[in-house]
Amino acid sequence: MNLGGVLKAASLGVSVARNEAKAAIARAVTNAAFAAGVGILAIFAFAFGLATFTVWLAHEIGTVPALGYIALGFLVLTIIVFIVWRVSTREKKPPPRAESPLAAAFNEQPRRAGEEPPPGSAIGSLGVVALVGFLMARQIFRR
């Protein structure tokens, strides 16, 4: 196997991944800038709408009662948001978790000599990893 070709392909893959990451970051920054602009404009629209409603209401019922009703409306909205927040963050009991196979292997009685480990055991996994590592090393260092 040609090591120079493998390294060249790996270098090409790294540069492609780097360029894709830069493009994704640039898109995220652009989206964040537009979202901030839209958010600021929405806040301005709400503020001017509220000011218009307050001035109209002040002409209808007077300045002090109009401002009092606006404050009362915001108080009611605050209470509603607070209740929704408290209900949504209430701690839920997590479902009972099943014990992992590795923890079950440590909790059970030791096996007698000559017994095979169950399929999927830690010992079998280590053996497979060692075998695959040996075969890969043999392929890499073959002359």
Protein backbone atom coordinates (compact mmCIF):
# COMPACT_ATOMS: atom_id res chain seq x y z
CA MET A 1 0.00 0.00 0.00
CA ASN A 2 1.41 3.41 -0.98
CA LEU A 3 1.73 5.50 2.20
CA GLY A 4 2.28 8.74 0.23
CA GLY A 5 -1.04 8.29 -1.56
CA VAL A 6 -2.84 7.61 1.69
CA LEU A 7 -1.36 10.73 3.29
CA LYS A 8 -2.24 12.82 0.22
CA ALA A 9 -5.85 11.56 0.33
CA ALA A 10 -6.03 12.25 4.06
CA SER A 11 -4.70 15.78 3.52
CA LEU A 12 -7.29 16.37 0.80
CA GLY A 13 -10.04 15.09 3.10
CA VAL A 14 -8.91 17.37 5.93
CA SER A 15 -8.85 20.43 3.65
CA VAL A 16 -12.35 19.63 2.34
CA ALA A 17 -13.65 19.23 5.89
CA ARG A 18 -11.98 22.51 6.93
CA ASN A 19 -13.57 24.38 3.99
CA GLU A 20 -16.99 22.90 4.79
CA ALA A 21 -16.63 23.95 8.44
CA LYS A 22 -15.68 27.51 7.41
CA ALA A 23 -18.69 27.71 5.08
CA ALA A 24 -21.02 26.41 7.81
CA ILE A 25 -19.68 28.99 10.28
CA ALA A 26 -20.12 31.78 7.71
CA ARG A 27 -23.74 30.70 7.12
CA ALA A 28 -24.39 30.59 10.87
CA VAL A 29 -22.95 34.09 11.36
CA THR A 30 -25.05 35.45 8.47
CA ASN A 31 -28.19 33.82 9.85
CA ALA A 32 -27.47 35.18 13.33
CA ALA A 33 -26.99 38.72 11.97
CA PHE A 34 -30.28 38.60 10.05
CA ALA A 35 -32.10 37.12 13.06
CA ALA A 36 -30.76 39.90 15.28
CA GLY A 37 -31.91 42.52 12.77
CA VAL A 38 -35.37 40.98 12.54
CA GLY A 39 -35.58 40.75 16.34
CA ILE A 40 -34.65 44.42 16.81
CA LEU A 41 -37.18 45.53 14.21
CA ALA A 42 -39.88 43.38 15.86
CA ILE A 43 -39.13 44.99 19.24
CA PHE A 44 -39.38 48.46 17.69
CA ALA A 45 -42.69 47.56 16.03
CA PHE A 46 -44.09 46.28 19.34
CA ALA A 47 -42.86 49.36 21.24
CA PHE A 48 -44.39 51.82 18.77
CA GLY A 49 -47.63 49.83 18.68
CA LEU A 50 -47.80 49.90 22.46
CA ALA A 51 -47.06 53.64 22.52
CA THR A 52 -49.81 54.24 19.96
CA PHE A 53 -52.30 52.19 21.98
CA THR A 54 -51.32 54.02 25.18
CA VAL A 55 -51.78 57.47 23.59
CA TRP A 56 -55.16 56.45 22.17
CA LEU A 57 -56.27 54.98 25.49
CA ALA A 58 -55.05 58.11 27.31
CA HIS A 59 -57.33 60.24 25.11
CA GLU A 60 -60.25 57.90 25.79
CA ILE A 61 -60.03 57.39 29.59
CA GLY A 62 -57.24 59.70 30.78
CA THR A 63 -53.48 59.39 31.16
CA VAL A 64 -53.16 57.85 34.61
CA PRO A 65 -55.87 55.18 34.15
CA ALA A 66 -54.45 54.30 30.69
CA LEU A 67 -50.95 53.79 32.09
CA GLY A 68 -52.40 51.80 34.99
CA TYR A 69 -54.27 49.46 32.61
CA ILE A 70 -51.13 48.99 30.48
CA ALA A 71 -49.13 48.13 33.63
CA LEU A 72 -51.87 45.74 34.74
CA GLY A 73 -51.77 44.03 31.33
CA PHE A 74 -48.03 43.52 31.60
CA LEU A 75 -48.44 42.18 35.14
CA VAL A 76 -51.00 39.63 33.91
CA LEU A 77 -48.67 38.60 31.04
CA THR A 78 -45.79 38.25 33.52
CA ILE A 79 -47.84 35.98 35.77
CA ILE A 80 -48.92 33.82 32.81
CA VAL A 81 -45.33 33.44 31.56
CA PHE A 82 -44.14 32.64 35.09
CA ILE A 83 -46.78 29.92 35.52
CA VAL A 84 -45.95 28.39 32.13
CA TRP A 85 -42.24 28.45 33.01
CA ARG A 86 -42.78 26.77 36.39
CA VAL A 87 -45.02 24.08 34.90
CA SER A 88 -42.60 23.35 32.05
CA THR A 89 -39.55 23.11 34.33
CA ARG A 90 -41.19 20.93 36.95
CA GLU A 91 -38.95 17.99 37.65
CA LYS A 92 -40.26 14.82 36.11
CA LYS A 93 -39.30 11.45 37.46
CA PRO A 94 -36.88 9.90 35.01
CA PRO A 95 -37.94 6.50 33.74
CA PRO A 96 -36.16 3.61 35.44
CA ARG A 97 -32.99 2.86 33.56
CA ALA A 98 -32.04 -0.67 32.67
CA GLU A 99 -28.73 -1.81 34.07
CA SER A 100 -25.94 -1.89 31.50
CA PRO A 101 -24.58 -5.31 30.49
CA LEU A 102 -21.14 -4.36 31.80
CA ALA A 103 -22.53 -3.47 35.25
CA ALA A 104 -24.55 -6.70 35.24
CA ALA A 105 -21.36 -8.63 34.48
CA PHE A 106 -19.66 -7.14 37.54
CA ASN A 107 -22.65 -7.81 39.80
CA GLU A 108 -23.12 -11.48 38.96
CA GLN A 109 -21.25 -14.40 40.47
CA PRO A 110 -17.82 -15.28 39.04
CA ARG A 111 -17.84 -17.90 36.30
CA ARG A 112 -16.32 -21.32 36.75
CA ALA A 113 -13.28 -22.34 34.75
CA GLY A 114 -14.13 -23.63 31.30
CA GLU A 115 -17.36 -21.64 30.91
CA GLU A 116 -17.61 -19.45 27.84
CA PRO A 117 -18.41 -15.79 28.38
CA PRO A 118 -21.82 -14.74 27.10
CA PRO A 119 -22.02 -13.15 23.64
CA GLY A 120 -21.34 -9.42 23.78
CA SER A 121 -19.25 -9.63 26.94
CA ALA A 122 -16.33 -7.30 27.64
CA ILE A 123 -13.79 -10.11 27.21
CA GLY A 124 -15.13 -11.01 23.77
CA SER A 125 -15.13 -7.36 22.72
CA LEU A 126 -11.53 -6.94 23.80
CA GLY A 127 -10.57 -10.02 21.82
CA VAL A 128 -12.25 -8.73 18.66
CA VAL A 129 -10.58 -5.31 19.03
CA ALA A 130 -7.18 -6.95 19.52
CA LEU A 131 -7.69 -9.16 16.45
CA VAL A 132 -8.76 -6.25 14.25
CA GLY A 133 -5.80 -4.16 15.47
CA PHE A 134 -3.40 -6.99 14.72
CA LEU A 135 -4.79 -7.45 11.19
CA MET A 136 -4.67 -3.71 10.46
CA ALA A 137 -1.09 -3.40 11.71
CA ARG A 138 -0.09 -6.37 9.59
CA GLN A 139 -1.59 -4.70 6.48
CA ILE A 140 0.02 -1.32 7.19
CA PHE A 141 3.53 -2.63 7.83
CA ARG A 142 3.53 -5.24 5.04
CA ARG A 143 6.38 -4.69 2.61
